[in-house]
PDB file of all heavy atoms in Angstrom:
ATOM      1  N   VAL A   1    -239.349  63.833-223.754  1.00  0.00           N
ATOM      2  CA  VAL A   1    -238.339  64.355-222.825  1.00  0.00           C
ATOM      3  C   VAL A   1    -236.897  64.121-223.228  1.00  0.00           C
ATOM      4  O   VAL A   1    -236.672  63.189-224.038  1.00  0.00           O
ATOM      5  CB  VAL A   1    -238.639  63.615-221.441  1.00  0.00           C
ATOM      6  CG1 VAL A   1    -240.002  64.036-220.844  1.00  0.00           C
ATOM      7  CG2 VAL A   1    -238.552  62.203-221.517  1.00  0.00           C
ATOM      8  N   ILE A   2    -236.086  64.804-222.595  1.00  0.00           N
ATOM      9  CA  ILE A   2    -234.618  64.642-222.943  1.00  0.00           C
ATOM     10  C   ILE A   2    -234.112  63.703-221.858  1.00  0.00           C
ATOM     11  O   ILE A   2    -234.230  64.050-220.676  1.00  0.00           O
ATOM     12  CB  ILE A   2    -233.844  65.976-222.816  1.00  0.00           C
ATOM     13  CG1 ILE A   2    -234.506  67.072-223.813  1.00  0.00           C
ATOM     14  CG2 ILE A   2    -232.364  65.757-223.214  1.00  0.00           C
ATOM     15  CD1 ILE A   2    -234.336  66.723-225.213  1.00  0.00           C
ATOM     16  N   VAL A   3    -233.312  62.601-222.305  1.00  0.00           N
ATOM     17  CA  VAL A   3    -232.903  61.587-221.429  1.00  0.00           C
ATOM     18  C   VAL A   3    -231.331  61.544-221.570  1.00  0.00           C
ATOM     19  O   VAL A   3    -230.790  61.503-222.701  1.00  0.00           O
ATOM     20  CB  VAL A   3    -233.514  60.334-221.681  1.00  0.00           C
ATOM     21  CG1 VAL A   3    -232.942  59.242-220.826  1.00  0.00           C
ATOM     22  CG2 VAL A   3    -235.016  60.332-221.416  1.00  0.00           C
ATOM     23  N   ASP A   4    -230.602  61.327-220.466  1.00  0.00           N
ATOM     24  CA  ASP A   4    -229.092  61.157-220.492  1.00  0.00           C
ATOM     25  C   ASP A   4    -228.916  59.770-221.087  1.00  0.00           C
ATOM     26  O   ASP A   4    -229.470  58.802-220.640  1.00  0.00           O
ATOM     27  CB  ASP A   4    -228.516  61.201-219.056  1.00  0.00           C
ATOM     28  CG  ASP A   4    -227.013  61.120-219.068  1.00  0.00           C
ATOM     29  OD1 ASP A   4    -226.571  60.161-219.571  1.00  0.00           O
ATOM     30  OD2 ASP A   4    -226.274  61.955-218.635  1.00  0.00           O
ATOM     31  N   ALA A   5    -228.060  59.616-222.069  1.00  0.00           N
ATOM     32  CA  ALA A   5    -227.908  58.442-222.787  1.00  0.00           C
ATOM     33  C   ALA A   5    -227.157  57.355-222.075  1.00  0.00           C
ATOM     34  O   ALA A   5    -227.462  56.238-222.182  1.00  0.00           O
ATOM     35  CB  ALA A   5    -227.151  58.669-224.066  1.00  0.00           C
ATOM     36  N   MET A   6    -226.309  57.765-221.047  1.00  0.00           N
ATOM     37  CA  MET A   6    -225.629  56.782-220.291  1.00  0.00           C
ATOM     38  C   MET A   6    -226.365  56.318-219.120  1.00  0.00           C
ATOM     39  O   MET A   6    -226.329  55.158-218.826  1.00  0.00           O
ATOM     40  CB  MET A   6    -224.378  57.542-219.759  1.00  0.00           C
ATOM     41  CG  MET A   6    -223.411  58.072-220.719  1.00  0.00           C
ATOM     42  SD  MET A   6    -222.689  56.709-221.821  1.00  0.00           S
ATOM     43  CE  MET A   6    -221.475  56.122-220.731  1.00  0.00           C
ATOM     44  N   THR A   7    -227.124  57.153-218.406  1.00  0.00           N
ATOM     45  CA  THR A   7    -227.820  56.729-217.211  1.00  0.00           C
ATOM     46  C   THR A   7    -229.290  56.497-217.355  1.00  0.00           C
ATOM     47  O   THR A   7    -229.898  55.745-216.562  1.00  0.00           O
ATOM     48  CB  THR A   7    -227.653  57.866-216.068  1.00  0.00           C
ATOM     49  OG1 THR A   7    -228.336  59.029-216.556  1.00  0.00           O
ATOM     50  CG2 THR A   7    -226.232  58.064-215.835  1.00  0.00           C
ATOM     51  N   GLY A   8    -229.861  57.020-218.439  1.00  0.00           N
ATOM     52  CA  GLY A   8    -231.278  56.886-218.595  1.00  0.00           C
ATOM     53  C   GLY A   8    -232.158  57.743-217.813  1.00  0.00           C
ATOM     54  O   GLY A   8    -233.336  57.736-217.707  1.00  0.00           O
ATOM     55  N   ARG A   9    -231.472  58.679-217.126  1.00  0.00           N
ATOM     56  CA  ARG A   9    -232.155  59.734-216.194  1.00  0.00           C
ATOM     57  C   ARG A   9    -232.763  60.872-217.104  1.00  0.00           C
ATOM     58  O   ARG A   9    -232.056  61.377-217.988  1.00  0.00           O
ATOM     59  CB  ARG A   9    -231.225  60.233-215.238  1.00  0.00           C
ATOM     60  CG  ARG A   9    -231.745  61.077-214.183  1.00  0.00           C
ATOM     61  CD  ARG A   9    -230.773  61.485-213.078  1.00  0.00           C
ATOM     62  NE  ARG A   9    -231.246  62.291-212.160  1.00  0.00           N
ATOM     63  CZ  ARG A   9    -230.543  63.204-211.563  1.00  0.00           C
ATOM     64  NH1 ARG A   9    -229.310  63.373-211.738  1.00  0.00           N
ATOM     65  NH2 ARG A   9    -231.289  64.059-210.705  1.00  0.00           N
ATOM     66  N   VAL A  10    -233.953  61.298-216.736  1.00  0.00           N
ATOM     67  CA  VAL A  10    -234.501  62.443-217.373  1.00  0.00           C
ATOM     68  C   VAL A  10    -233.758  63.637-217.066  1.00  0.00           C
ATOM     69  O   VAL A  10    -233.519  64.057-215.949  1.00  0.00           O
ATOM     70  CB  VAL A  10    -235.991  62.624-216.983  1.00  0.00           C
ATOM     71  CG1 VAL A  10    -236.626  63.898-217.687  1.00  0.00           C
ATOM     72  CG2 VAL A  10    -236.851  61.430-217.422  1.00  0.00           C
ATOM     73  N   VAL A  11    -233.266  64.378-218.185  1.00  0.00           N
ATOM     74  CA  VAL A  11    -232.445  65.625-217.935  1.00  0.00           C
ATOM     75  C   VAL A  11    -233.305  66.897-218.061  1.00  0.00           C
ATOM     76  O   VAL A  11    -233.179  67.845-217.297  1.00  0.00           O
ATOM     77  CB  VAL A  11    -231.370  65.781-219.038  1.00  0.00           C
ATOM     78  CG1 VAL A  11    -230.515  66.926-218.999  1.00  0.00           C
ATOM     79  CG2 VAL A  11    -230.433  64.482-218.898  1.00  0.00           C
ATOM     80  N   ASP A  12    -234.316  66.863-218.909  1.00  0.00           N
ATOM     81  CA  ASP A  12    -235.257  67.995-219.212  1.00  0.00           C
ATOM     82  C   ASP A  12    -236.577  67.491-219.562  1.00  0.00           C
ATOM     83  O   ASP A  12    -236.743  66.591-220.423  1.00  0.00           O
ATOM     84  CB  ASP A  12    -234.561  68.914-220.220  1.00  0.00           C
ATOM     85  CG  ASP A  12    -235.423  70.272-220.330  1.00  0.00           C
ATOM     86  OD1 ASP A  12    -236.198  70.463-219.512  1.00  0.00           O
ATOM     87  OD2 ASP A  12    -235.057  71.065-221.224  1.00  0.00           O
ATOM     88  N   SER A  13    -237.653  68.027-218.888  1.00  0.00           N
ATOM     89  CA  SER A  13    -238.968  67.582-219.250  1.00  0.00           C
ATOM     90  C   SER A  13    -239.911  68.740-219.487  1.00  0.00           C
ATOM     91  O   SER A  13    -241.113  68.605-219.253  1.00  0.00           O
ATOM     92  CB  SER A  13    -239.585  66.671-218.230  1.00  0.00           C
ATOM     93  OG  SER A  13    -239.640  67.361-216.930  1.00  0.00           O
ATOM     94  N   ALA A  14    -239.341  69.989-219.810  1.00  0.00           N
ATOM     95  CA  ALA A  14    -240.118  71.256-220.019  1.00  0.00           C
ATOM     96  C   ALA A  14    -241.040  71.446-218.786  1.00  0.00           C
ATOM     97  O   ALA A  14    -242.273  71.611-218.982  1.00  0.00           O
ATOM     98  CB  ALA A  14    -241.023  71.011-221.272  1.00  0.00           C
ATOM     99  N   LYS A  15    -240.458  71.400-217.583  1.00  0.00           N
ATOM    100  CA  LYS A  15    -241.138  71.768-216.315  1.00  0.00           C
ATOM    101  C   LYS A  15    -242.205  70.729-216.053  1.00  0.00           C
ATOM    102  O   LYS A  15    -243.227  71.052-215.460  1.00  0.00           O
ATOM    103  CB  LYS A  15    -241.716  73.176-216.343  1.00  0.00           C
ATOM    104  CG  LYS A  15    -240.601  74.215-216.458  1.00  0.00           C
ATOM    105  CD  LYS A  15    -241.124  75.616-216.304  1.00  0.00           C
ATOM    106  CE  LYS A  15    -240.109  76.688-216.276  1.00  0.00           C
ATOM    107  NZ  LYS A  15    -240.596  78.017-216.192  1.00  0.00           N
ATOM    108  N   GLY A  16    -242.064  69.479-216.405  1.00  0.00           N
ATOM    109  CA  GLY A  16    -242.990  68.476-216.199  1.00  0.00           C
ATOM    110  C   GLY A  16    -244.083  68.238-217.204  1.00  0.00           C
ATOM    111  O   GLY A  16    -244.948  67.324-216.999  1.00  0.00           O
ATOM    112  N   TYR A  17    -244.152  69.112-218.170  1.00  0.00           N
ATOM    113  CA  TYR A  17    -245.220  69.034-219.242  1.00  0.00           C
ATOM    114  C   TYR A  17    -244.694  68.184-220.405  1.00  0.00           C
ATOM    115  O   TYR A  17    -245.598  67.653-221.068  1.00  0.00           O
ATOM    116  CB  TYR A  17    -245.614  70.385-219.759  1.00  0.00           C
ATOM    117  CG  TYR A  17    -246.212  71.171-218.601  1.00  0.00           C
ATOM    118  CD1 TYR A  17    -245.675  72.146-217.909  1.00  0.00           C
ATOM    119  CD2 TYR A  17    -247.623  70.931-218.288  1.00  0.00           C
ATOM    120  CE1 TYR A  17    -246.278  72.893-216.993  1.00  0.00           C
ATOM    121  CE2 TYR A  17    -248.305  71.578-217.334  1.00  0.00           C
ATOM    122  CZ  TYR A  17    -247.603  72.609-216.674  1.00  0.00           C
ATOM    123  OH  TYR A  17    -248.228  73.358-215.622  1.00  0.00           O
ATOM    124  N   GLY A  18    -243.453  68.093-220.653  1.00  0.00           N
ATOM    125  CA  GLY A  18    -242.946  67.369-221.854  1.00  0.00           C
ATOM    126  C   GLY A  18    -242.958  68.257-223.097  1.00  0.00           C
ATOM    127  O   GLY A  18    -243.796  69.188-223.189  1.00  0.00           O
ATOM    128  N   TYR A  19    -242.245  67.954-224.047  1.00  0.00           N
ATOM    129  CA  TYR A  19    -242.181  68.699-225.314  1.00  0.00           C
ATOM    130  C   TYR A  19    -243.214  68.056-226.229  1.00  0.00           C
ATOM    131  O   TYR A  19    -243.511  66.824-226.324  1.00  0.00           O
ATOM    132  CB  TYR A  19    -240.804  68.673-225.926  1.00  0.00           C
ATOM    133  CG  TYR A  19    -239.791  69.433-225.060  1.00  0.00           C
ATOM    134  CD1 TYR A  19    -239.002  68.833-224.195  1.00  0.00           C
ATOM    135  CD2 TYR A  19    -239.805  70.813-225.118  1.00  0.00           C
ATOM    136  CE1 TYR A  19    -238.109  69.538-223.396  1.00  0.00           C
ATOM    137  CE2 TYR A  19    -238.836  71.535-224.308  1.00  0.00           C
ATOM    138  CZ  TYR A  19    -238.068  70.871-223.413  1.00  0.00           C
ATOM    139  OH  TYR A  19    -237.258  71.614-222.666  1.00  0.00           O
ATOM    140  N   THR A  20    -243.774  68.881-227.188  1.00  0.00           N
ATOM    141  CA  THR A  20    -244.807  68.435-228.039  1.00  0.00           C
ATOM    142  C   THR A  20    -244.210  67.751-229.269  1.00  0.00           C
ATOM    143  O   THR A  20    -244.949  66.994-229.912  1.00  0.00           O
ATOM    144  CB  THR A  20    -245.599  69.509-228.544  1.00  0.00           C
ATOM    145  OG1 THR A  20    -244.771  70.522-229.196  1.00  0.00           O
ATOM    146  CG2 THR A  20    -246.369  70.026-227.433  1.00  0.00           C
ATOM    147  N   SER A  21    -242.930  67.845-229.618  1.00  0.00           N
ATOM    148  CA  SER A  21    -242.282  67.193-230.708  1.00  0.00           C
ATOM    149  C   SER A  21    -240.862  66.900-230.472  1.00  0.00           C
ATOM    150  O   SER A  21    -240.264  67.445-229.591  1.00  0.00           O
ATOM    151  CB  SER A  21    -242.385  68.039-232.039  1.00  0.00           C
ATOM    152  OG  SER A  21    -241.500  69.009-232.019  1.00  0.00           O
ATOM    153  N   TYR A  22    -240.411  65.838-231.118  1.00  0.00           N
ATOM    154  CA  TYR A  22    -239.030  65.441-231.085  1.00  0.00           C
ATOM    155  C   TYR A  22    -238.053  66.710-231.496  1.00  0.00           C
ATOM    156  O   TYR A  22    -237.195  66.988-230.719  1.00  0.00           O
ATOM    157  CB  TYR A  22    -238.774  64.325-232.059  1.00  0.00           C
ATOM    158  CG  TYR A  22    -237.240  63.862-232.238  1.00  0.00           C
ATOM    159  CD1 TYR A  22    -236.877  62.761-231.293  1.00  0.00           C
ATOM    160  CD2 TYR A  22    -236.415  64.444-232.967  1.00  0.00           C
ATOM    161  CE1 TYR A  22    -235.600  62.446-231.359  1.00  0.00           C
ATOM    162  CE2 TYR A  22    -235.057  64.030-232.982  1.00  0.00           C
ATOM    163  CZ  TYR A  22    -234.691  62.921-232.216  1.00  0.00           C
ATOM    164  OH  TYR A  22    -233.306  62.716-232.192  1.00  0.00           O
ATOM    165  N   LYS A  23    -238.374  67.300-232.536  1.00  0.00           N
ATOM    166  CA  LYS A  23    -237.639  68.499-233.036  1.00  0.00           C
ATOM    167  C   LYS A  23    -237.610  69.569-231.993  1.00  0.00           C
ATOM    168  O   LYS A  23    -236.589  70.227-231.692  1.00  0.00           O
ATOM    169  CB  LYS A  23    -238.215  68.998-234.334  1.00  0.00           C
ATOM    170  CG  LYS A  23    -237.319  69.128-235.425  1.00  0.00           C
ATOM    171  CD  LYS A  23    -238.181  69.491-236.566  1.00  0.00           C
ATOM    172  CE  LYS A  23    -237.240  70.144-237.672  1.00  0.00           C
ATOM    173  NZ  LYS A  23    -237.952  70.652-238.896  1.00  0.00           N
ATOM    174  N   LYS A  24    -238.742  69.963-231.318  1.00  0.00           N
ATOM    175  CA  LYS A  24    -238.778  71.057-230.323  1.00  0.00           C
ATOM    176  C   LYS A  24    -237.971  70.683-229.131  1.00  0.00           C
ATOM    177  O   LYS A  24    -237.308  71.546-228.591  1.00  0.00           O
ATOM    178  CB  LYS A  24    -240.133  71.291-230.058  1.00  0.00           C
ATOM    179  CG  LYS A  24    -240.871  72.094-231.028  1.00  0.00           C
ATOM    180  CD  LYS A  24    -242.336  72.421-230.704  1.00  0.00           C
ATOM    181  CE  LYS A  24    -243.081  73.059-231.787  1.00  0.00           C
ATOM    182  NZ  LYS A  24    -244.429  73.549-231.451  1.00  0.00           N
ATOM    183  N   ALA A  25    -238.024  69.427-228.671  1.00  0.00           N
ATOM    184  CA  ALA A  25    -237.294  68.951-227.527  1.00  0.00           C
ATOM    185  C   ALA A  25    -235.736  69.151-227.747  1.00  0.00           C
ATOM    186  O   ALA A  25    -235.056  69.772-226.905  1.00  0.00           O
ATOM    187  CB  ALA A  25    -237.587  67.551-227.222  1.00  0.00           C
ATOM    188  N   LEU A  26    -235.342  68.705-228.922  1.00  0.00           N
ATOM    189  CA  LEU A  26    -233.956  68.689-229.131  1.00  0.00           C
ATOM    190  C   LEU A  26    -233.385  70.251-229.316  1.00  0.00           C
ATOM    191  O   LEU A  26    -232.431  70.617-228.971  1.00  0.00           O
ATOM    192  CB  LEU A  26    -233.514  67.931-230.426  1.00  0.00           C
ATOM    193  CG  LEU A  26    -232.130  67.549-230.628  1.00  0.00           C
ATOM    194  CD1 LEU A  26    -231.495  66.843-229.415  1.00  0.00           C
ATOM    195  CD2 LEU A  26    -232.025  66.694-231.887  1.00  0.00           C
ATOM    196  N   ALA A  27    -234.279  71.091-230.058  1.00  0.00           N
ATOM    197  CA  ALA A  27    -233.904  72.456-230.207  1.00  0.00           C
ATOM    198  C   ALA A  27    -233.821  73.131-228.922  1.00  0.00           C
ATOM    199  O   ALA A  27    -232.872  73.924-228.707  1.00  0.00           O
ATOM    200  CB  ALA A  27    -234.871  72.990-231.190  1.00  0.00           C
ATOM    201  N   CYS A  28    -234.662  72.909-228.027  1.00  0.00           N
ATOM    202  CA  CYS A  28    -234.790  73.594-226.685  1.00  0.00           C
ATOM    203  C   CYS A  28    -233.525  73.125-225.939  1.00  0.00           C
ATOM    204  O   CYS A  28    -232.902  74.037-225.258  1.00  0.00           O
ATOM    205  CB  CYS A  28    -236.032  73.285-226.075  1.00  0.00           C
ATOM    206  SG  CYS A  28    -236.238  74.314-224.548  1.00  0.00           S
TER     207      CYS A  28
END
């Protein structure tokens, strides 16, 4: 998942499913 570095809050989780790889999460 993508997390805000300052607050630790989840910013994006691919509609609750999560991304399958680090690279895909960052690219999306």
